[in-house]
């Protein structure tokens, strides 16, 4: 009875016959999600670095913006 295709619930949810293809698909989806999140984190980190540079008065990453010169 443990090998039947039930609609979830029961003994640990999905039966063993689903584990291989679903596992591969979930691994691919998890990898895609992880890559996507990594890209987002890098983009956010770049934004934070740029904003911190602007707050500290140094437009280091912006080649066309040099606002602090008149303050010095």
PDB file of N, CA and C in Angstrom:
ATOM      1  N   UNK A   1       0.816  -1.200   0.000  1.00  0.00           N
ATOM      2  CA  UNK A   1       0.000   0.000   0.000  1.00  0.00           C
ATOM      3  C   UNK A   1       0.859   1.263   0.000  1.00  0.00           C
ATOM      4  N   UNK A   2       2.117   1.135   0.379  1.00  0.00           N
ATOM      5  CA  UNK A   2       2.990   2.298   0.403  1.00  0.00           C
ATOM      6  C   UNK A   2       3.408   2.714  -1.001  1.00  0.00           C
ATOM      7  N   UNK A   3       3.277   1.817  -1.986  1.00  0.00           N
ATOM      8  CA  UNK A   3       3.725   2.109  -3.341  1.00  0.00           C
ATOM      9  C   UNK A   3       2.650   2.768  -4.200  1.00  0.00           C
ATOM     10  N   UNK A   4       1.452   2.976  -3.662  1.00  0.00           N
ATOM     11  CA  UNK A   4       0.370   3.525  -4.476  1.00  0.00           C
ATOM     12  C   UNK A   4       0.534   5.030  -4.662  1.00  0.00           C
ATOM     13  N   UNK A   5      -0.051   5.532  -5.724  1.00  0.00           N
ATOM     14  CA  UNK A   5      -0.001   6.964  -6.017  1.00  0.00           C
ATOM     15  C   UNK A   5      -1.141   7.652  -5.270  1.00  0.00           C
ATOM     16  N   UNK A   6      -0.845   8.148  -4.099  1.00  0.00           N
ATOM     17  CA  UNK A   6      -1.877   8.823  -3.319  1.00  0.00           C
ATOM     18  C   UNK A   6      -1.775  10.326  -3.537  1.00  0.00           C
ATOM     19  N   UNK A   7      -2.815  11.025  -3.134  1.00  0.00           N
ATOM     20  CA  UNK A   7      -2.839  12.480  -3.293  1.00  0.00           C
ATOM     21  C   UNK A   7      -2.202  13.172  -2.091  1.00  0.00           C
ATOM     22  N   UNK A   8      -0.959  12.873  -1.815  1.00  0.00           N
ATOM     23  CA  UNK A   8      -0.255  13.511  -0.718  1.00  0.00           C
ATOM     24  C   UNK A   8      -0.708  12.980   0.627  1.00  0.00           C
ATOM     25  N   UNK A   9      -0.232  13.597   1.696  1.00  0.00           N
ATOM     26  CA  UNK A   9      -0.580  13.159   3.041  1.00  0.00           C
ATOM     27  C   UNK A   9       0.036  11.809   3.343  1.00  0.00           C
ATOM     28  N   UNK A  10      -0.520  11.090   4.287  1.00  0.00           N
ATOM     29  CA  UNK A  10      -0.052   9.728   4.572  1.00  0.00           C
ATOM     30  C   UNK A  10       1.362   9.691   5.092  1.00  0.00           C
ATOM     31  N   UNK A  11       2.130   8.745   4.570  1.00  0.00           N
ATOM     32  CA  UNK A  11       3.483   8.504   5.076  1.00  0.00           C
ATOM     33  C   UNK A  11       4.491   9.429   4.390  1.00  0.00           C
ATOM     34  N   UNK A  12       4.712  10.584   4.921  1.00  0.00           N
ATOM     35  CA  UNK A  12       5.736  11.480   4.400  1.00  0.00           C
ATOM     36  C   UNK A  12       5.384  12.126   3.083  1.00  0.00           C
ATOM     37  N   UNK A  13       4.134  12.202   2.723  1.00  0.00           N
ATOM     38  CA  UNK A  13       3.747  12.926   1.515  1.00  0.00           C
ATOM     39  C   UNK A  13       3.861  12.080   0.263  1.00  0.00           C
ATOM     40  N   UNK A  14       4.704  12.489  -0.682  1.00  0.00           N
ATOM     41  CA  UNK A  14       4.752  11.875  -2.002  1.00  0.00           C
ATOM     42  C   UNK A  14       5.458  10.527  -1.944  1.00  0.00           C
ATOM     43  N   UNK A  15       4.969   9.582  -2.732  1.00  0.00           N
ATOM     44  CA  UNK A  15       5.538   8.234  -2.744  1.00  0.00           C
ATOM     45  C   UNK A  15       6.891   8.177  -3.427  1.00  0.00           C
ATOM     46  N   UNK A  16       7.567   7.043  -3.317  1.00  0.00           N
ATOM     47  CA  UNK A  16       8.926   6.894  -3.845  1.00  0.00           C
ATOM     48  C   UNK A  16       9.007   6.947  -5.367  1.00  0.00           C
ATOM     49  N   UNK A  17       7.916   6.637  -6.069  1.00  0.00           N
ATOM     50  CA  UNK A  17       7.964   6.612  -7.528  1.00  0.00           C
ATOM     51  C   UNK A  17       8.114   8.020  -8.107  1.00  0.00           C
ATOM     52  N   UNK A  18       7.848   9.056  -7.326  1.00  0.00           N
ATOM     53  CA  UNK A  18       7.960  10.427  -7.816  1.00  0.00           C
ATOM     54  C   UNK A  18       9.337  11.034  -7.551  1.00  0.00           C
ATOM     55  N   UNK A  19      10.142  10.400  -6.705  1.00  0.00           N
ATOM     56  CA  UNK A  19      11.328  11.068  -6.172  1.00  0.00           C
ATOM     57  C   UNK A  19      12.360  11.395  -7.251  1.00  0.00           C
ATOM     58  N   UNK A  20      12.606  10.510  -8.224  1.00  0.00           N
ATOM     59  CA  UNK A  20      13.675  10.778  -9.195  1.00  0.00           C
ATOM     60  C   UNK A  20      13.385  11.972 -10.092  1.00  0.00           C
ATOM     61  N   UNK A  21      12.318  11.942 -10.923  1.00  0.00           N
ATOM     62  CA  UNK A  21      12.104  13.091 -11.815  1.00  0.00           C
ATOM     63  C   UNK A  21      11.841  14.392 -11.071  1.00  0.00           C
ATOM     64  N   UNK A  22      11.063  14.335  -9.996  1.00  0.00           N
ATOM     65  CA  UNK A  22      10.790  15.559  -9.241  1.00  0.00           C
ATOM     66  C   UNK A  22      12.067  16.096  -8.607  1.00  0.00           C
ATOM     67  N   UNK A  23      12.911  15.198  -8.135  1.00  0.00           N
ATOM     68  CA  UNK A  23      14.173  15.630  -7.535  1.00  0.00           C
ATOM     69  C   UNK A  23      15.042  16.355  -8.541  1.00  0.00           C
ATOM     70  N   UNK A  24      15.149  15.792  -9.760  1.00  0.00           N
ATOM     71  CA  UNK A  24      15.950  16.445 -10.801  1.00  0.00           C
ATOM     72  C   UNK A  24      15.372  17.802 -11.154  1.00  0.00           C
ATOM     73  N   UNK A  25      14.062  17.852 -11.313  1.00  0.00           N
ATOM     74  CA  UNK A  25      13.406  19.113 -11.667  1.00  0.00           C
ATOM     75  C   UNK A  25      13.583  20.141 -10.550  1.00  0.00           C
ATOM     76  N   UNK A  26      13.414  19.701  -9.311  1.00  0.00           N
ATOM     77  CA  UNK A  26      13.566  20.625  -8.186  1.00  0.00           C
ATOM     78  C   UNK A  26      15.005  21.115  -8.078  1.00  0.00           C
ATOM     79  N   UNK A  27      15.962  20.234  -8.343  1.00  0.00           N
ATOM     80  CA  UNK A  27      17.362  20.656  -8.306  1.00  0.00           C
ATOM     81  C   UNK A  27      17.640  21.713  -9.363  1.00  0.00           C
ATOM     82  N   UNK A  28      17.098  21.509 -10.578  1.00  0.00           N
ATOM     83  CA  UNK A  28      17.297  22.500 -11.637  1.00  0.00           C
ATOM     84  C   UNK A  28      16.644  23.828 -11.266  1.00  0.00           C
ATOM     85  N   UNK A  29      15.418  23.750 -10.743  1.00  0.00           N
ATOM     86  CA  UNK A  29      14.715  24.977 -10.366  1.00  0.00           C
ATOM     87  C   UNK A  29      15.441  25.683  -9.227  1.00  0.00           C
ATOM     88  N   UNK A  30      15.928  24.912  -8.261  1.00  0.00           N
ATOM     89  CA  UNK A  30      16.649  25.511  -7.135  1.00  0.00           C
ATOM     90  C   UNK A  30      17.934  26.172  -7.621  1.00  0.00           C
ATOM     91  N   UNK A  31      18.617  25.540  -8.578  1.00  0.00           N
ATOM     92  CA  UNK A  31      19.851  26.120  -9.106  1.00  0.00           C
ATOM     93  C   UNK A  31      19.561  27.415  -9.862  1.00  0.00           C
ATOM     94  N   UNK A  32      18.474  27.403 -10.657  1.00  0.00           N
ATOM     95  CA  UNK A  32      18.098  28.623 -11.380  1.00  0.00           C
ATOM     96  C   UNK A  32      17.743  29.736 -10.403  1.00  0.00           C
ATOM     97  N   UNK A  33      17.000  29.386  -9.350  1.00  0.00           N
ATOM     98  CA  UNK A  33      16.619  30.378  -8.354  1.00  0.00           C
ATOM     99  C   UNK A  33      17.851  30.918  -7.636  1.00  0.00           C
ATOM    100  N   UNK A  34      18.783  30.028  -7.308  1.00  0.00           N
ATOM    101  CA  UNK A  34      20.005  30.454  -6.619  1.00  0.00           C
ATOM    102  C   UNK A  34      20.819  31.395  -7.501  1.00  0.00           C
ATOM    103  N   UNK A  35      20.942  31.071  -8.790  1.00  0.00           N
ATOM    104  CA  UNK A  35      21.678  31.946  -9.705  1.00  0.00           C
ATOM    105  C   UNK A  35      21.003  33.308  -9.806  1.00  0.00           C
ATOM    106  N   UNK A  36      19.675  33.288  -9.900  1.00  0.00           N
ATOM    107  CA  UNK A  36      18.909  34.534 -10.008  1.00  0.00           C
ATOM    108  C   UNK A  36      19.103  35.394  -8.763  1.00  0.00           C
ATOM    109  N   UNK A  37      19.036  34.746  -7.586  1.00  0.00           N
ATOM    110  CA  UNK A  37      19.220  35.484  -6.343  1.00  0.00           C
ATOM    111  C   UNK A  37      20.637  36.022  -6.233  1.00  0.00           C
ATOM    112  N   UNK A  38      21.619  35.239  -6.699  1.00  0.00           N
ATOM    113  CA  UNK A  38      23.003  35.703  -6.654  1.00  0.00           C
ATOM    114  C   UNK A  38      23.169  36.963  -7.496  1.00  0.00           C
ATOM    115  N   UNK A  39      22.568  36.951  -8.712  1.00  0.00           N
ATOM    116  CA  UNK A  39      22.638  38.141  -9.570  1.00  0.00           C
ATOM    117  C   UNK A  39      21.995  39.338  -8.889  1.00  0.00           C
ATOM    118  N   UNK A  40      20.833  39.119  -8.255  1.00  0.00           N
ATOM    119  CA  UNK A  40      20.151  40.204  -7.565  1.00  0.00           C
ATOM    120  C   UNK A  40      20.992  40.737  -6.421  1.00  0.00           C
ATOM    121  N   UNK A  41      21.629  39.851  -5.665  1.00  0.00           N
ATOM    122  CA  UNK A  41      22.456  40.272  -4.534  1.00  0.00           C
ATOM    123  C   UNK A  41      23.638  41.088  -5.033  1.00  0.00           C
ATOM    124  N   UNK A  42      24.260  40.647  -6.146  1.00  0.00           N
ATOM    125  CA  UNK A  42      25.392  41.410  -6.680  1.00  0.00           C
ATOM    126  C   UNK A  42      24.943  42.802  -7.128  1.00  0.00           C
ATOM    127  N   UNK A  43      23.775  42.871  -7.768  1.00  0.00           N
ATOM    128  CA  UNK A  43      23.258  44.163  -8.196  1.00  0.00           C
ATOM    129  C   UNK A  43      22.961  45.068  -7.022  1.00  0.00           C
ATOM    130  N   UNK A  44      22.366  44.499  -5.976  1.00  0.00           N
ATOM    131  CA  UNK A  44      22.059  45.300  -4.788  1.00  0.00           C
ATOM    132  C   UNK A  44      23.344  45.750  -4.099  1.00  0.00           C
ATOM    133  N   UNK A  45      24.353  44.878  -4.064  1.00  0.00           N
ATOM    134  CA  UNK A  45      25.619  45.238  -3.430  1.00  0.00           C
ATOM    135  C   UNK A  45      26.278  46.383  -4.191  1.00  0.00           C
ATOM    136  N   UNK A  46      26.204  46.340  -5.517  1.00  0.00           N
ATOM    137  CA  UNK A  46      26.760  47.440  -6.319  1.00  0.00           C
ATOM    138  C   UNK A  46      26.028  48.736  -6.032  1.00  0.00           C
ATOM    139  N   UNK A  47      24.699  48.667  -5.907  1.00  0.00           N
ATOM    140  CA  UNK A  47      23.925  49.870  -5.591  1.00  0.00           C
ATOM    141  C   UNK A  47      24.303  50.412  -4.225  1.00  0.00           C
ATOM    142  N   UNK A  48      24.444  49.526  -3.243  1.00  0.00           N
ATOM    143  CA  UNK A  48      24.813  49.953  -1.890  1.00  0.00           C
ATOM    144  C   UNK A  48      26.189  50.597  -1.907  1.00  0.00           C
ATOM    145  N   UNK A  49      27.133  49.982  -2.608  1.00  0.00           N
ATOM    146  CA  UNK A  49      28.482  50.548  -2.675  1.00  0.00           C
ATOM    147  C   UNK A  49      28.471  51.928  -3.322  1.00  0.00           C
ATOM    148  N   UNK A  50      27.681  52.079  -4.388  1.00  0.00           N
ATOM    149  CA  UNK A  50      27.608  53.363  -5.086  1.00  0.00           C
ATOM    150  C   UNK A  50      26.987  54.426  -4.182  1.00  0.00           C
ATOM    151  N   UNK A  51      25.897  54.045  -3.493  1.00  0.00           N
ATOM    152  CA  UNK A  51      25.237  55.003  -2.612  1.00  0.00           C
ATOM    153  C   UNK A  51      26.132  55.384  -1.433  1.00  0.00           C
ATOM    154  N   UNK A  52      26.854  54.413  -0.884  1.00  0.00           N
ATOM    155  CA  UNK A  52      27.762  54.730   0.215  1.00  0.00           C
ATOM    156  C   UNK A  52      28.863  55.667  -0.263  1.00  0.00           C
ATOM    157  N   UNK A  53      29.329  55.445  -1.484  1.00  0.00           N
ATOM    158  CA  UNK A  53      30.345  56.334  -2.041  1.00  0.00           C
ATOM    159  C   UNK A  53      29.816  57.747  -2.195  1.00  0.00           C
ATOM    160  N   UNK A  54      28.565  57.865  -2.638  1.00  0.00           N
ATOM    161  CA  UNK A  54      27.971  59.194  -2.784  1.00  0.00           C
ATOM    162  C   UNK A  54      27.765  59.849  -1.428  1.00  0.00           C
ATOM    163  N   UNK A  55      27.351  59.065  -0.428  1.00  0.00           N
ATOM    164  CA  UNK A  55      27.132  59.629   0.907  1.00  0.00           C
ATOM    165  C   UNK A  55      28.446  60.066   1.538  1.00  0.00           C
ATOM    166  N   UNK A  56      29.524  59.361   1.212  1.00  0.00           N
ATOM    167  CA  UNK A  56      30.825  59.726   1.769  1.00  0.00           C
ATOM    168  C   UNK A  56      31.474  60.853   0.979  1.00  0.00           C
ATOM    169  N   UNK A  57      30.787  61.347  -0.050  1.00  0.00           N
ATOM    170  CA  UNK A  57      31.296  62.488  -0.793  1.00  0.00           C
ATOM    171  C   UNK A  57      32.218  62.114  -1.926  1.00  0.00           C
ATOM    172  N   UNK A  58      32.415  60.840  -2.178  1.00  0.00           N
ATOM    173  CA  UNK A  58      33.302  60.440  -3.266  1.00  0.00           C
ATOM    174  C   UNK A  58      32.527  59.789  -4.384  1.00  0.00           C
ATOM    175  N   UNK A  59      32.455  60.425  -5.522  1.00  0.00           N
ATOM    176  CA  UNK A  59      31.810  59.814  -6.672  1.00  0.00           C
ATOM    177  C   UNK A  59      32.800  58.942  -7.401  1.00  0.00           C
ATOM    178  N   UNK A  60      33.284  57.908  -6.724  1.00  0.00           N
ATOM    179  CA  UNK A  60      34.383  57.116  -7.247  1.00  0.00           C
ATOM    180  C   UNK A  60      33.942  56.322  -8.469  1.00  0.00           C
ATOM    181  N   UNK A  61      32.757  55.706  -8.393  1.00  0.00           N
ATOM    182  CA  UNK A  61      32.308  54.853  -9.490  1.00  0.00           C
ATOM    183  C   UNK A  61      31.710  55.662 -10.638  1.00  0.00           C
ATOM    184  N   UNK A  62      31.306  56.899 -10.381  1.00  0.00           N
ATOM    185  CA  UNK A  62      30.734  57.722 -11.437  1.00  0.00           C
ATOM    186  C   UNK A  62      31.831  58.598 -12.033  1.00  0.00           C
ATOM    187  N   UNK A  63      32.134  58.391 -13.310  1.00  0.00           N
ATOM    188  CA  UNK A  63      33.209  59.154 -13.934  1.00  0.00           C
ATOM    189  C   UNK A  63      32.769  60.572 -14.266  1.00  0.00           C
ATOM    190  N   UNK A  64      31.447  60.787 -14.435  1.00  0.00           N
ATOM    191  CA  UNK A  64      30.958  62.092 -14.847  1.00  0.00           C
ATOM    192  C   UNK A  64      30.379  62.904 -13.686  1.00  0.00           C
ATOM    193  N   UNK A  65      30.545  62.433 -12.452  1.00  0.00           N
ATOM    194  CA  UNK A  65      29.989  63.176 -11.314  1.00  0.00           C
ATOM    195  C   UNK A  65      31.078  63.414 -10.278  1.00  0.00           C
ATOM    196  N   UNK A  66      31.440  64.685 -10.058  1.00  0.00           N
ATOM    197  CA  UNK A  66      32.412  65.038  -9.030  1.00  0.00           C
ATOM    198  C   UNK A  66      31.863  66.174  -8.173  1.00  0.00           C
ATOM    199  N   UNK A  67      30.836  65.899  -7.347  1.00  0.00           N
ATOM    200  CA  UNK A  67      30.226  66.982  -6.575  1.00  0.00           C
ATOM    201  C   UNK A  67      31.064  67.527  -5.424  1.00  0.00           C
ATOM    202  N   UNK A  68      31.977  66.776  -4.787  1.00  0.00           N
ATOM    203  CA  UNK A  68      32.591  67.304  -3.562  1.00  0.00           C
ATOM    204  C   UNK A  68      33.678  68.351  -3.779  1.00  0.00           C
ATOM    205  N   UNK A  69      34.032  68.675  -5.022  1.00  0.00           N
ATOM    206  CA  UNK A  69      35.173  69.565  -5.240  1.00  0.00           C
ATOM    207  C   UNK A  69      34.936  70.981  -4.718  1.00  0.00           C
ATOM    208  N   UNK A  70      33.708  71.476  -4.815  1.00  0.00           N
ATOM    209  CA  UNK A  70      33.448  72.831  -4.335  1.00  0.00           C
ATOM    210  C   UNK A  70      33.375  72.905  -2.809  1.00  0.00           C
ATOM    211  N   UNK A  71      33.303  71.729  -2.150  1.00  0.00           N
ATOM    212  CA  UNK A  71      33.247  71.716  -0.691  1.00  0.00           C
ATOM    213  C   UNK A  71      34.637  71.756  -0.072  1.00  0.00           C
ATOM    214  N   UNK A  72      35.627  71.333  -0.829  1.00  0.00           N
ATOM    215  CA  UNK A  72      36.979  71.212  -0.261  1.00  0.00           C
ATOM    216  C   UNK A  72      37.669  72.546  -0.149  1.00  0.00           C
TER     217      UNK A  72
END
